Amino acid sequence: MENRVIYLIRHGKIQQEDDQRRYIGQIDLPLTEEGVKQARNLHKRFEHAEISAIYCSDLGRSIHTAKTIAGSRDLPIVPRRDLREVSMGEWEGCTFGEIARRFPEEFKARGGDIVSYRVPGGESFADCSLRVVAALEEILASTSGNLVITGHAGVNRLLLCHMLGMPLTNIFRIAQDYGCLNVIQCGSTGYQVKLMNGSGRSGRR
């Protein structure tokens, strides 16, 4: 594998109707003003960085972040459906409390098997991992140079578990704040995570 750097980013903060914890998977929500600012901070961070292309999910929040990072630079921006966040199926948009009240057994079952439990109409994290790891491998095989991948919290955690050789049961031990930056060196010896959940601001971690 060519020696190169992957900059794995989470999109900026998204607009929600309240502060309750919700299942937000593939609902296409826009960035907040704070989220736009986070994307602009990432633009400053990468303004003069050596990058060959930006890949992103085809959801608006990821595309907006990717386009802001690119700015006026003539960089290919490649949206991919297979980089979308995990699908939460029938639970999309519902609060955690609502699901716990309406479907207590299902809520408990998912908590007891966070890797393999599949929400009705959605994906398990194991399903999503197969999808996004295959996407990553295809991207690396078909490109050269350093890449930016603008993903989502769940997607990034799954990719980092893969890169670190961590079991998916540990997925939520990895923090992924809005607008965060992960830096991964990859080459013939595999992946080496240099920075995880770092600040997107230039010169800061």
N, C-alpha and C. Protein backbone atom coordinates (compact mmCIF):
# COMPACT_ATOMS: atom_id res chain seq x y z
N MET A 1 0.84 -1.20 0.00
CA MET A 1 0.00 0.00 0.00
C MET A 1 0.88 1.25 0.00
N GLU A 2 0.54 2.20 -0.81
CA GLU A 2 1.25 3.48 -0.88
C GLU A 2 1.23 4.18 0.47
N ASN A 3 2.39 4.79 0.84
CA ASN A 3 2.42 5.59 2.06
C ASN A 3 1.63 6.87 1.83
N ARG A 4 0.62 7.09 2.63
CA ARG A 4 -0.26 8.24 2.45
C ARG A 4 -0.97 8.54 3.75
N VAL A 5 -1.68 9.65 3.77
CA VAL A 5 -2.41 10.07 4.98
C VAL A 5 -3.90 10.16 4.65
N ILE A 6 -4.71 9.63 5.55
CA ILE A 6 -6.16 9.79 5.47
C ILE A 6 -6.57 10.75 6.58
N TYR A 7 -7.24 11.81 6.20
CA TYR A 7 -7.82 12.73 7.17
C TYR A 7 -9.30 12.40 7.28
N LEU A 8 -9.68 11.76 8.37
CA LEU A 8 -11.05 11.31 8.57
C LEU A 8 -11.77 12.31 9.47
N ILE A 9 -12.84 12.90 8.94
CA ILE A 9 -13.50 14.03 9.59
C ILE A 9 -14.96 13.70 9.87
N ARG A 10 -15.47 14.23 10.98
CA ARG A 10 -16.92 14.20 11.19
C ARG A 10 -17.48 15.55 10.74
N HIS A 11 -18.62 15.52 10.07
CA HIS A 11 -19.28 16.76 9.63
C HIS A 11 -19.55 17.69 10.82
N GLY A 12 -19.89 18.94 10.52
CA GLY A 12 -20.22 19.90 11.56
C GLY A 12 -21.55 19.62 12.24
N LYS A 13 -21.82 20.36 13.28
CA LYS A 13 -23.03 20.17 14.09
C LYS A 13 -24.30 20.35 13.25
N ILE A 14 -25.30 19.50 13.51
CA ILE A 14 -26.53 19.52 12.70
C ILE A 14 -27.69 20.15 13.46
N GLN A 15 -28.66 20.62 12.69
CA GLN A 15 -29.87 21.23 13.26
C GLN A 15 -30.84 20.15 13.73
N GLN A 16 -31.31 20.29 14.98
CA GLN A 16 -32.32 19.40 15.53
C GLN A 16 -33.39 20.24 16.22
N GLU A 17 -34.56 19.66 16.38
CA GLU A 17 -35.68 20.43 16.92
C GLU A 17 -35.55 20.70 18.42
N ASP A 18 -34.76 19.89 19.13
CA ASP A 18 -34.55 20.09 20.57
C ASP A 18 -33.23 19.44 20.95
N ASP A 19 -32.94 19.44 22.26
CA ASP A 19 -31.67 18.90 22.74
C ASP A 19 -31.76 17.45 23.19
N GLN A 20 -32.89 16.80 22.93
CA GLN A 20 -33.02 15.41 23.34
C GLN A 20 -32.18 14.50 22.43
N ARG A 21 -31.70 13.42 23.02
CA ARG A 21 -30.92 12.45 22.25
C ARG A 21 -31.86 11.70 21.31
N ARG A 22 -31.51 11.70 20.04
CA ARG A 22 -32.34 11.07 19.03
C ARG A 22 -31.50 10.12 18.18
N TYR A 23 -32.21 9.19 17.54
CA TYR A 23 -31.57 8.31 16.58
C TYR A 23 -31.52 9.04 15.24
N ILE A 24 -30.35 9.57 14.93
CA ILE A 24 -30.16 10.30 13.67
C ILE A 24 -29.18 9.48 12.83
N GLY A 25 -29.71 8.79 11.86
CA GLY A 25 -28.87 8.00 10.98
C GLY A 25 -28.78 8.64 9.62
N GLN A 26 -29.75 8.33 8.77
CA GLN A 26 -29.72 8.82 7.40
C GLN A 26 -30.74 9.92 7.11
N ILE A 27 -31.34 10.49 8.17
CA ILE A 27 -32.16 11.68 7.98
C ILE A 27 -31.23 12.80 7.48
N ASP A 28 -31.68 13.54 6.48
CA ASP A 28 -30.81 14.53 5.86
C ASP A 28 -30.99 15.89 6.51
N LEU A 29 -30.31 16.11 7.63
CA LEU A 29 -30.43 17.36 8.38
C LEU A 29 -29.30 18.33 8.02
N PRO A 30 -29.60 19.64 7.95
CA PRO A 30 -28.58 20.63 7.60
C PRO A 30 -27.68 20.98 8.78
N LEU A 31 -26.60 21.69 8.49
CA LEU A 31 -25.71 22.17 9.53
C LEU A 31 -26.32 23.38 10.25
N THR A 32 -25.99 23.52 11.52
CA THR A 32 -26.31 24.74 12.26
C THR A 32 -25.26 25.80 11.92
N GLU A 33 -25.45 27.01 12.44
CA GLU A 33 -24.44 28.05 12.26
C GLU A 33 -23.11 27.60 12.87
N GLU A 34 -23.20 26.95 14.03
CA GLU A 34 -21.99 26.43 14.67
C GLU A 34 -21.33 25.37 13.79
N GLY A 35 -22.17 24.52 13.16
CA GLY A 35 -21.64 23.49 12.27
C GLY A 35 -20.93 24.08 11.07
N VAL A 36 -21.49 25.16 10.52
CA VAL A 36 -20.85 25.85 9.39
C VAL A 36 -19.50 26.43 9.83
N LYS A 37 -19.47 26.99 11.04
CA LYS A 37 -18.21 27.54 11.58
C LYS A 37 -17.18 26.43 11.75
N GLN A 38 -17.61 25.27 12.24
CA GLN A 38 -16.69 24.14 12.39
C GLN A 38 -16.12 23.73 11.03
N ALA A 39 -16.97 23.73 10.01
CA ALA A 39 -16.50 23.38 8.66
C ALA A 39 -15.51 24.42 8.16
N ARG A 40 -15.74 25.69 8.46
CA ARG A 40 -14.81 26.75 8.05
C ARG A 40 -13.47 26.61 8.76
N ASN A 41 -13.50 26.19 10.03
CA ASN A 41 -12.26 25.94 10.76
C ASN A 41 -11.47 24.82 10.08
N LEU A 42 -12.18 23.80 9.61
CA LEU A 42 -11.52 22.71 8.89
C LEU A 42 -10.94 23.21 7.57
N HIS A 43 -11.65 24.12 6.91
CA HIS A 43 -11.12 24.71 5.67
C HIS A 43 -9.78 25.38 5.94
N LYS A 44 -9.69 26.15 7.02
CA LYS A 44 -8.44 26.82 7.36
C LYS A 44 -7.34 25.81 7.65
N ARG A 45 -7.73 24.71 8.31
CA ARG A 45 -6.77 23.66 8.65
C ARG A 45 -6.17 23.02 7.40
N PHE A 46 -6.98 22.90 6.33
CA PHE A 46 -6.53 22.20 5.13
C PHE A 46 -6.25 23.13 3.95
N GLU A 47 -6.25 24.42 4.21
CA GLU A 47 -6.12 25.40 3.13
C GLU A 47 -4.87 25.16 2.27
N HIS A 48 -3.78 24.76 2.92
CA HIS A 48 -2.53 24.57 2.18
C HIS A 48 -2.03 23.12 2.29
N ALA A 49 -2.89 22.23 2.74
CA ALA A 49 -2.48 20.83 2.89
C ALA A 49 -2.44 20.14 1.54
N GLU A 50 -1.58 19.14 1.44
CA GLU A 50 -1.45 18.36 0.21
C GLU A 50 -2.52 17.27 0.21
N ILE A 51 -3.56 17.48 -0.59
CA ILE A 51 -4.69 16.56 -0.66
C ILE A 51 -5.00 16.29 -2.14
N SER A 52 -5.31 15.04 -2.46
CA SER A 52 -5.63 14.72 -3.85
C SER A 52 -7.13 14.71 -4.12
N ALA A 53 -7.93 14.44 -3.09
CA ALA A 53 -9.38 14.39 -3.29
C ALA A 53 -10.08 14.38 -1.94
N ILE A 54 -11.38 14.72 -1.97
CA ILE A 54 -12.24 14.66 -0.78
C ILE A 54 -13.39 13.71 -1.08
N TYR A 55 -13.55 12.72 -0.24
CA TYR A 55 -14.68 11.80 -0.34
C TYR A 55 -15.63 12.09 0.81
N CYS A 56 -16.92 11.91 0.56
CA CYS A 56 -17.90 12.20 1.59
C CYS A 56 -19.14 11.34 1.40
N SER A 57 -19.95 11.27 2.43
CA SER A 57 -21.27 10.67 2.32
C SER A 57 -22.11 11.54 1.39
N ASP A 58 -23.18 10.97 0.84
CA ASP A 58 -24.05 11.77 -0.04
C ASP A 58 -25.14 12.49 0.73
N LEU A 59 -25.07 12.51 2.06
CA LEU A 59 -26.01 13.29 2.86
C LEU A 59 -25.54 14.74 2.93
N GLY A 60 -26.51 15.66 2.97
CA GLY A 60 -26.20 17.08 2.85
C GLY A 60 -25.20 17.60 3.84
N ARG A 61 -25.27 17.14 5.09
CA ARG A 61 -24.36 17.66 6.13
C ARG A 61 -22.90 17.29 5.83
N SER A 62 -22.71 16.13 5.22
CA SER A 62 -21.36 15.70 4.87
C SER A 62 -20.87 16.42 3.62
N ILE A 63 -21.75 16.59 2.63
CA ILE A 63 -21.37 17.31 1.41
C ILE A 63 -21.05 18.77 1.71
N HIS A 64 -21.89 19.42 2.54
CA HIS A 64 -21.67 20.82 2.92
C HIS A 64 -20.29 20.98 3.57
N THR A 65 -19.97 20.07 4.50
CA THR A 65 -18.68 20.13 5.17
C THR A 65 -17.55 19.93 4.18
N ALA A 66 -17.70 18.96 3.28
CA ALA A 66 -16.65 18.68 2.29
C ALA A 66 -16.42 19.88 1.37
N LYS A 67 -17.50 20.48 0.89
CA LYS A 67 -17.37 21.62 -0.02
C LYS A 67 -16.74 22.82 0.69
N THR A 68 -17.07 23.00 1.96
CA THR A 68 -16.48 24.10 2.72
C THR A 68 -14.99 23.87 2.91
N ILE A 69 -14.60 22.64 3.19
CA ILE A 69 -13.17 22.32 3.34
C ILE A 69 -12.42 22.62 2.04
N ALA A 70 -13.00 22.24 0.92
CA ALA A 70 -12.34 22.47 -0.38
C ALA A 70 -12.24 23.95 -0.70
N GLY A 71 -13.29 24.71 -0.37
CA GLY A 71 -13.29 26.13 -0.68
C GLY A 71 -13.12 26.36 -2.17
N SER A 72 -12.17 27.24 -2.53
CA SER A 72 -11.95 27.56 -3.94
C SER A 72 -10.91 26.66 -4.59
N ARG A 73 -10.38 25.70 -3.83
CA ARG A 73 -9.38 24.79 -4.39
C ARG A 73 -10.02 23.85 -5.41
N ASP A 74 -9.27 23.53 -6.43
CA ASP A 74 -9.78 22.64 -7.48
C ASP A 74 -9.55 21.19 -7.06
N LEU A 75 -10.34 20.76 -6.07
CA LEU A 75 -10.21 19.41 -5.54
C LEU A 75 -11.45 18.59 -5.92
N PRO A 76 -11.27 17.37 -6.39
CA PRO A 76 -12.43 16.51 -6.62
C PRO A 76 -13.17 16.24 -5.32
N ILE A 77 -14.50 16.41 -5.34
CA ILE A 77 -15.34 16.06 -4.19
C ILE A 77 -16.25 14.93 -4.66
N VAL A 78 -16.14 13.78 -4.00
CA VAL A 78 -16.82 12.57 -4.47
C VAL A 78 -17.80 12.08 -3.41
N PRO A 79 -19.11 12.38 -3.56
CA PRO A 79 -20.11 11.85 -2.63
C PRO A 79 -20.36 10.37 -2.92
N ARG A 80 -20.48 9.59 -1.85
CA ARG A 80 -20.74 8.16 -1.99
C ARG A 80 -21.84 7.73 -1.02
N ARG A 81 -22.82 7.04 -1.56
CA ARG A 81 -23.92 6.54 -0.73
C ARG A 81 -23.42 5.54 0.32
N ASP A 82 -22.37 4.78 -0.03
CA ASP A 82 -21.88 3.76 0.90
C ASP A 82 -21.08 4.33 2.06
N LEU A 83 -20.92 5.67 2.11
CA LEU A 83 -20.30 6.31 3.27
C LEU A 83 -21.35 6.95 4.19
N ARG A 84 -22.63 6.68 3.91
CA ARG A 84 -23.69 7.22 4.78
C ARG A 84 -23.59 6.66 6.20
N GLU A 85 -24.18 7.42 7.12
CA GLU A 85 -24.30 6.97 8.51
C GLU A 85 -25.13 5.69 8.56
N VAL A 86 -24.99 4.93 9.65
CA VAL A 86 -25.77 3.72 9.85
C VAL A 86 -27.27 4.05 9.76
N SER A 87 -28.01 3.22 9.07
CA SER A 87 -29.45 3.44 8.94
C SER A 87 -30.16 2.97 10.21
N MET A 88 -30.99 3.85 10.78
CA MET A 88 -31.74 3.51 11.99
C MET A 88 -33.17 3.10 11.67
N GLY A 89 -33.49 2.90 10.39
CA GLY A 89 -34.77 2.33 10.01
C GLY A 89 -35.97 3.03 10.63
N GLU A 90 -36.84 2.24 11.26
CA GLU A 90 -38.08 2.77 11.84
C GLU A 90 -37.84 3.66 13.06
N TRP A 91 -36.62 3.66 13.58
CA TRP A 91 -36.31 4.49 14.74
C TRP A 91 -35.77 5.87 14.36
N GLU A 92 -35.57 6.11 13.09
CA GLU A 92 -35.01 7.39 12.64
C GLU A 92 -35.82 8.57 13.18
N GLY A 93 -35.12 9.50 13.81
CA GLY A 93 -35.74 10.72 14.31
C GLY A 93 -36.39 10.60 15.66
N CYS A 94 -36.57 9.39 16.16
CA CYS A 94 -37.21 9.18 17.47
C CYS A 94 -36.20 9.43 18.58
N THR A 95 -36.70 9.89 19.73
CA THR A 95 -35.83 10.07 20.88
C THR A 95 -35.54 8.72 21.53
N PHE A 96 -34.45 8.66 22.26
CA PHE A 96 -34.12 7.44 22.99
C PHE A 96 -35.24 7.09 23.96
N GLY A 97 -35.77 8.12 24.65
CA GLY A 97 -36.83 7.89 25.62
C GLY A 97 -38.09 7.34 24.99
N GLU A 98 -38.43 7.85 23.81
CA GLU A 98 -39.61 7.38 23.10
C GLU A 98 -39.50 5.90 22.75
N ILE A 99 -38.34 5.50 22.23
CA ILE A 99 -38.14 4.09 21.86
C ILE A 99 -38.14 3.21 23.10
N ALA A 100 -37.52 3.69 24.18
CA ALA A 100 -37.49 2.91 25.42
C ALA A 100 -38.90 2.67 25.96
N ARG A 101 -39.80 3.66 25.78
CA ARG A 101 -41.18 3.52 26.26
C ARG A 101 -42.02 2.65 25.33
N ARG A 102 -41.88 2.87 24.02
CA ARG A 102 -42.74 2.17 23.05
C ARG A 102 -42.28 0.74 22.78
N PHE A 103 -40.96 0.55 22.78
CA PHE A 103 -40.41 -0.76 22.43
C PHE A 103 -39.36 -1.17 23.46
N PRO A 104 -39.77 -1.37 24.72
CA PRO A 104 -38.79 -1.65 25.78
C PRO A 104 -37.94 -2.89 25.54
N GLU A 105 -38.53 -3.95 25.00
CA GLU A 105 -37.77 -5.17 24.76
C GLU A 105 -36.73 -4.97 23.67
N GLU A 106 -37.14 -4.29 22.58
CA GLU A 106 -36.22 -4.04 21.47
C GLU A 106 -35.10 -3.09 21.90
N PHE A 107 -35.47 -2.08 22.69
CA PHE A 107 -34.48 -1.12 23.20
C PHE A 107 -33.43 -1.86 24.04
N LYS A 108 -33.91 -2.75 24.91
CA LYS A 108 -33.01 -3.52 25.77
C LYS A 108 -32.16 -4.47 24.94
N ALA A 109 -32.78 -5.09 23.93
CA ALA A 109 -32.05 -6.04 23.09
C ALA A 109 -30.91 -5.36 22.34
N ARG A 110 -31.16 -4.15 21.83
CA ARG A 110 -30.09 -3.44 21.12
C ARG A 110 -28.96 -3.08 22.07
N GLY A 111 -29.32 -2.64 23.26
CA GLY A 111 -28.29 -2.32 24.25
C GLY A 111 -27.45 -3.53 24.63
N GLY A 112 -28.07 -4.72 24.60
CA GLY A 112 -27.36 -5.93 24.95
C GLY A 112 -26.53 -6.52 23.83
N ASP A 113 -26.79 -6.08 22.59
CA ASP A 113 -26.04 -6.58 21.43
C ASP A 113 -25.87 -5.44 20.44
N ILE A 114 -25.06 -4.46 20.83
CA ILE A 114 -24.93 -3.23 20.06
C ILE A 114 -24.31 -3.48 18.69
N VAL A 115 -23.57 -4.57 18.53
CA VAL A 115 -22.91 -4.85 17.25
C VAL A 115 -23.87 -5.44 16.23
N SER A 116 -24.64 -6.44 16.64
CA SER A 116 -25.41 -7.24 15.67
C SER A 116 -26.89 -6.94 15.62
N TYR A 117 -27.41 -6.20 16.62
CA TYR A 117 -28.86 -5.95 16.62
C TYR A 117 -29.21 -5.03 15.45
N ARG A 118 -30.22 -5.44 14.70
CA ARG A 118 -30.66 -4.68 13.53
C ARG A 118 -32.04 -4.07 13.81
N VAL A 119 -32.09 -2.74 13.84
CA VAL A 119 -33.37 -2.04 14.02
C VAL A 119 -34.27 -2.38 12.83
N PRO A 120 -35.59 -2.56 13.06
CA PRO A 120 -36.50 -2.85 11.94
C PRO A 120 -36.34 -1.83 10.81
N GLY A 121 -36.07 -2.33 9.61
CA GLY A 121 -35.90 -1.46 8.45
C GLY A 121 -34.55 -0.80 8.36
N GLY A 122 -33.64 -1.11 9.31
CA GLY A 122 -32.34 -0.45 9.33
C GLY A 122 -31.17 -1.42 9.28
N GLU A 123 -30.03 -0.96 9.79
CA GLU A 123 -28.80 -1.75 9.78
C GLU A 123 -28.32 -1.99 11.20
N SER A 124 -27.57 -3.05 11.36
CA SER A 124 -26.77 -3.22 12.58
C SER A 124 -25.44 -2.51 12.35
N PHE A 125 -24.67 -2.31 13.42
CA PHE A 125 -23.33 -1.75 13.23
C PHE A 125 -22.44 -2.72 12.46
N ALA A 126 -22.68 -4.03 12.62
CA ALA A 126 -21.92 -5.01 11.84
C ALA A 126 -22.20 -4.85 10.35
N ASP A 127 -23.49 -4.64 10.00
CA ASP A 127 -23.86 -4.39 8.60
C ASP A 127 -23.14 -3.16 8.07
N CYS A 128 -23.21 -2.09 8.83
CA CYS A 128 -22.64 -0.82 8.40
C CYS A 128 -21.12 -0.92 8.27
N SER A 129 -20.49 -1.67 9.17
CA SER A 129 -19.05 -1.84 9.11
C SER A 129 -18.63 -2.51 7.81
N LEU A 130 -19.33 -3.55 7.41
CA LEU A 130 -19.01 -4.21 6.14
C LEU A 130 -19.11 -3.23 4.97
N ARG A 131 -20.12 -2.39 5.01
CA ARG A 131 -20.36 -1.42 3.94
C ARG A 131 -19.25 -0.37 3.87
N VAL A 132 -18.92 0.23 5.01
CA VAL A 132 -17.98 1.36 4.97
C VAL A 132 -16.52 0.90 4.85
N VAL A 133 -16.20 -0.26 5.39
CA VAL A 133 -14.83 -0.78 5.22
C VAL A 133 -14.60 -1.14 3.75
N ALA A 134 -15.60 -1.75 3.11
CA ALA A 134 -15.48 -2.04 1.68
C ALA A 134 -15.31 -0.76 0.87
N ALA A 135 -16.05 0.30 1.25
CA ALA A 135 -15.92 1.60 0.57
C ALA A 135 -14.52 2.15 0.73
N LEU A 136 -13.99 2.10 1.96
CA LEU A 136 -12.64 2.59 2.22
C LEU A 136 -11.61 1.85 1.37
N GLU A 137 -11.70 0.53 1.34
CA GLU A 137 -10.73 -0.27 0.59
C GLU A 137 -10.81 0.03 -0.91
N GLU A 138 -12.03 0.24 -1.40
CA GLU A 138 -12.19 0.58 -2.82
C GLU A 138 -11.60 1.95 -3.13
N ILE A 139 -11.85 2.91 -2.24
CA ILE A 139 -11.30 4.26 -2.42
C ILE A 139 -9.78 4.23 -2.45
N LEU A 140 -9.17 3.52 -1.49
CA LEU A 140 -7.71 3.47 -1.42
C LEU A 140 -7.12 2.76 -2.64
N ALA A 141 -7.80 1.73 -3.13
CA ALA A 141 -7.29 0.98 -4.27
C ALA A 141 -7.37 1.77 -5.57
N SER A 142 -8.27 2.74 -5.65
CA SER A 142 -8.51 3.46 -6.90
C SER A 142 -7.94 4.87 -6.92
N THR A 143 -7.22 5.25 -5.87
CA THR A 143 -6.69 6.61 -5.78
C THR A 143 -5.22 6.59 -5.36
N SER A 144 -4.62 7.75 -5.38
CA SER A 144 -3.27 7.93 -4.84
C SER A 144 -3.24 9.25 -4.09
N GLY A 145 -2.24 9.43 -3.26
CA GLY A 145 -2.09 10.68 -2.52
C GLY A 145 -2.92 10.72 -1.26
N ASN A 146 -2.82 11.83 -0.55
CA ASN A 146 -3.53 12.02 0.71
C ASN A 146 -5.00 12.32 0.45
N LEU A 147 -5.85 11.82 1.32
CA LEU A 147 -7.29 11.96 1.13
C LEU A 147 -7.96 12.54 2.37
N VAL A 148 -9.03 13.29 2.14
CA VAL A 148 -9.97 13.68 3.19
C VAL A 148 -11.22 12.85 3.00
N ILE A 149 -11.70 12.25 4.09
CA ILE A 149 -12.99 11.55 4.07
C ILE A 149 -13.87 12.21 5.12
N THR A 150 -14.97 12.80 4.65
CA THR A 150 -15.90 13.49 5.56
C THR A 150 -17.05 12.54 5.87
N GLY A 151 -17.02 11.97 7.04
CA GLY A 151 -17.99 10.95 7.41
C GLY A 151 -18.93 11.38 8.52
N HIS A 152 -19.35 10.40 9.28
CA HIS A 152 -20.32 10.57 10.36
C HIS A 152 -19.76 9.89 11.62
N ALA A 153 -20.37 10.17 12.76
CA ALA A 153 -19.85 9.63 14.01
C ALA A 153 -19.76 8.11 13.99
N GLY A 154 -20.88 7.44 13.63
CA GLY A 154 -20.87 5.99 13.61
C GLY A 154 -19.92 5.43 12.58
N VAL A 155 -19.96 5.98 11.38
CA VAL A 155 -19.08 5.54 10.30
C VAL A 155 -17.62 5.67 10.70
N ASN A 156 -17.25 6.83 11.25
CA ASN A 156 -15.86 7.05 11.64
C ASN A 156 -15.42 6.08 12.72
N ARG A 157 -16.30 5.85 13.70
CA ARG A 157 -15.96 4.90 14.77
C ARG A 157 -15.71 3.51 14.19
N LEU A 158 -16.56 3.09 13.26
CA LEU A 158 -16.41 1.78 12.64
C LEU A 158 -15.10 1.69 11.86
N LEU A 159 -14.76 2.73 11.11
CA LEU A 159 -13.50 2.73 10.36
C LEU A 159 -12.30 2.72 11.30
N LEU A 160 -12.39 3.46 12.39
CA LEU A 160 -11.28 3.49 13.35
C LEU A 160 -11.13 2.14 14.06
N CYS A 161 -12.24 1.49 14.38
CA CYS A 161 -12.17 0.13 14.94
C CYS A 161 -11.44 -0.79 13.97
N HIS A 162 -11.79 -0.70 12.69
CA HIS A 162 -11.14 -1.52 11.67
C HIS A 162 -9.65 -1.23 11.60
N MET A 163 -9.29 0.04 11.58
CA MET A 163 -7.89 0.43 11.45
C MET A 163 -7.06 0.02 12.67
N LEU A 164 -7.69 0.06 13.85
CA LEU A 164 -6.99 -0.26 15.10
C LEU A 164 -7.07 -1.74 15.46
N GLY A 165 -7.86 -2.51 14.70
CA GLY A 165 -8.05 -3.91 15.03
C GLY A 165 -8.86 -4.11 16.30
N MET A 166 -9.73 -3.16 16.60
CA MET A 166 -10.56 -3.23 17.81
C MET A 166 -11.87 -3.94 17.52
N PRO A 167 -12.37 -4.73 18.48
CA PRO A 167 -13.69 -5.33 18.29
C PRO A 167 -14.77 -4.24 18.27
N LEU A 168 -15.81 -4.45 17.49
CA LEU A 168 -16.88 -3.46 17.38
C LEU A 168 -17.63 -3.25 18.69
N THR A 169 -17.50 -4.19 19.62
CA THR A 169 -18.13 -4.00 20.94
C THR A 169 -17.59 -2.76 21.64
N ASN A 170 -16.42 -2.30 21.23
CA ASN A 170 -15.80 -1.12 21.85
C ASN A 170 -16.09 0.17 21.10
N ILE A 171 -17.05 0.14 20.19
CA ILE A 171 -17.27 1.28 19.30
C ILE A 171 -17.49 2.60 20.04
N PHE A 172 -18.21 2.56 21.15
CA PHE A 172 -18.52 3.81 21.84
C PHE A 172 -17.44 4.24 22.83
N ARG A 173 -16.31 3.56 22.81
CA ARG A 173 -15.14 4.04 23.54
C ARG A 173 -14.39 5.09 22.73
N ILE A 174 -14.79 5.24 21.48
CA ILE A 174 -14.16 6.22 20.59
C ILE A 174 -15.05 7.45 20.49
N ALA A 175 -14.52 8.59 20.91
CA ALA A 175 -15.27 9.85 20.81
C ALA A 175 -15.12 10.42 19.41
N GLN A 176 -16.22 11.00 18.90
CA GLN A 176 -16.20 11.68 17.60
C GLN A 176 -17.09 12.91 17.70
N ASP A 177 -16.49 14.03 18.09
CA ASP A 177 -17.24 15.28 18.23
C ASP A 177 -17.54 15.87 16.85
N TYR A 178 -18.55 16.73 16.82
CA TYR A 178 -18.84 17.44 15.56
C TYR A 178 -17.60 18.19 15.09
N GLY A 179 -17.30 18.06 13.80
CA GLY A 179 -16.18 18.80 13.22
C GLY A 179 -14.81 18.30 13.64
N CYS A 180 -14.73 17.08 14.17
CA CYS A 180 -13.44 16.59 14.65
C CYS A 180 -12.58 16.05 13.51
N LEU A 181 -11.31 15.87 13.81
CA LEU A 181 -10.32 15.41 12.84
C LEU A 181 -9.59 14.19 13.38
N ASN A 182 -9.49 13.16 12.56
CA ASN A 182 -8.66 11.99 12.85
C ASN A 182 -7.61 11.89 11.75
N VAL A 183 -6.37 11.62 12.13
CA VAL A 183 -5.28 11.54 11.16
C VAL A 183 -4.72 10.12 11.18
N ILE A 184 -4.74 9.47 10.02
CA ILE A 184 -4.30 8.08 9.92
C ILE A 184 -3.22 7.97 8.85
N GLN A 185 -2.08 7.47 9.25
CA GLN A 185 -1.01 7.16 8.30
C GLN A 185 -1.21 5.73 7.83
N CYS A 186 -1.17 5.51 6.51
CA CYS A 186 -1.30 4.13 6.04
C CYS A 186 -0.23 3.84 4.99
N GLY A 187 0.17 2.57 4.98
CA GLY A 187 1.22 2.15 4.06
C GLY A 187 1.35 0.65 4.08
N SER A 188 2.53 0.16 3.75
CA SER A 188 2.75 -1.29 3.62
C SER A 188 2.59 -2.02 4.94
N THR A 189 2.76 -1.32 6.05
CA THR A 189 2.62 -1.97 7.36
C THR A 189 1.21 -1.83 7.92
N GLY A 190 0.31 -1.22 7.15
CA GLY A 190 -1.07 -1.09 7.61
C GLY A 190 -1.38 0.33 8.04
N TYR A 191 -2.26 0.44 9.02
CA TYR A 191 -2.74 1.75 9.49
C TYR A 191 -2.08 2.13 10.81
N GLN A 192 -1.79 3.41 10.95
CA GLN A 192 -1.33 3.94 12.23
C GLN A 192 -2.10 5.22 12.51
N VAL A 193 -2.88 5.22 13.59
CA VAL A 193 -3.70 6.38 13.94
C VAL A 193 -2.84 7.38 14.69
N LYS A 194 -2.63 8.53 14.07
CA LYS A 194 -1.76 9.57 14.63
C LYS A 194 -2.52 10.54 15.53
N LEU A 195 -3.79 10.76 15.20
CA LEU A 195 -4.62 11.69 15.96
C LEU A 195 -6.06 11.20 15.90
N MET A 196 -6.74 11.27 17.05
CA MET A 196 -8.13 10.85 17.10
C MET A 196 -8.98 11.91 17.79
N ASN A 197 -10.11 12.25 17.18
CA ASN A 197 -11.04 13.23 17.74
C ASN A 197 -10.37 14.57 18.04
N GLY A 198 -9.46 14.98 17.16
CA GLY A 198 -8.75 16.24 17.37
C GLY A 198 -9.59 17.43 16.91
N SER A 199 -9.18 18.60 17.34
CA SER A 199 -9.84 19.82 16.90
C SER A 199 -9.55 20.06 15.43
N GLY A 200 -10.56 20.56 14.70
CA GLY A 200 -10.34 20.89 13.30
C GLY A 200 -9.67 22.23 13.10
N ARG A 201 -9.42 22.95 14.19
CA ARG A 201 -8.82 24.27 14.05
C ARG A 201 -7.35 24.16 13.69
N SER A 202 -6.90 25.06 12.85
CA SER A 202 -5.51 25.07 12.39
C SER A 202 -4.56 25.24 13.57
N GLY A 203 -3.58 24.34 13.63
CA GLY A 203 -2.55 24.47 14.66
C GLY A 203 -2.95 23.97 16.03
N ARG A 204 -4.21 23.41 16.16
CA ARG A 204 -4.66 22.94 17.47
C ARG A 204 -5.04 21.49 17.39
N ARG A 205 -4.97 20.80 18.55
CA ARG A 205 -5.36 19.40 18.62
C ARG A 205 -6.37 19.20 19.75
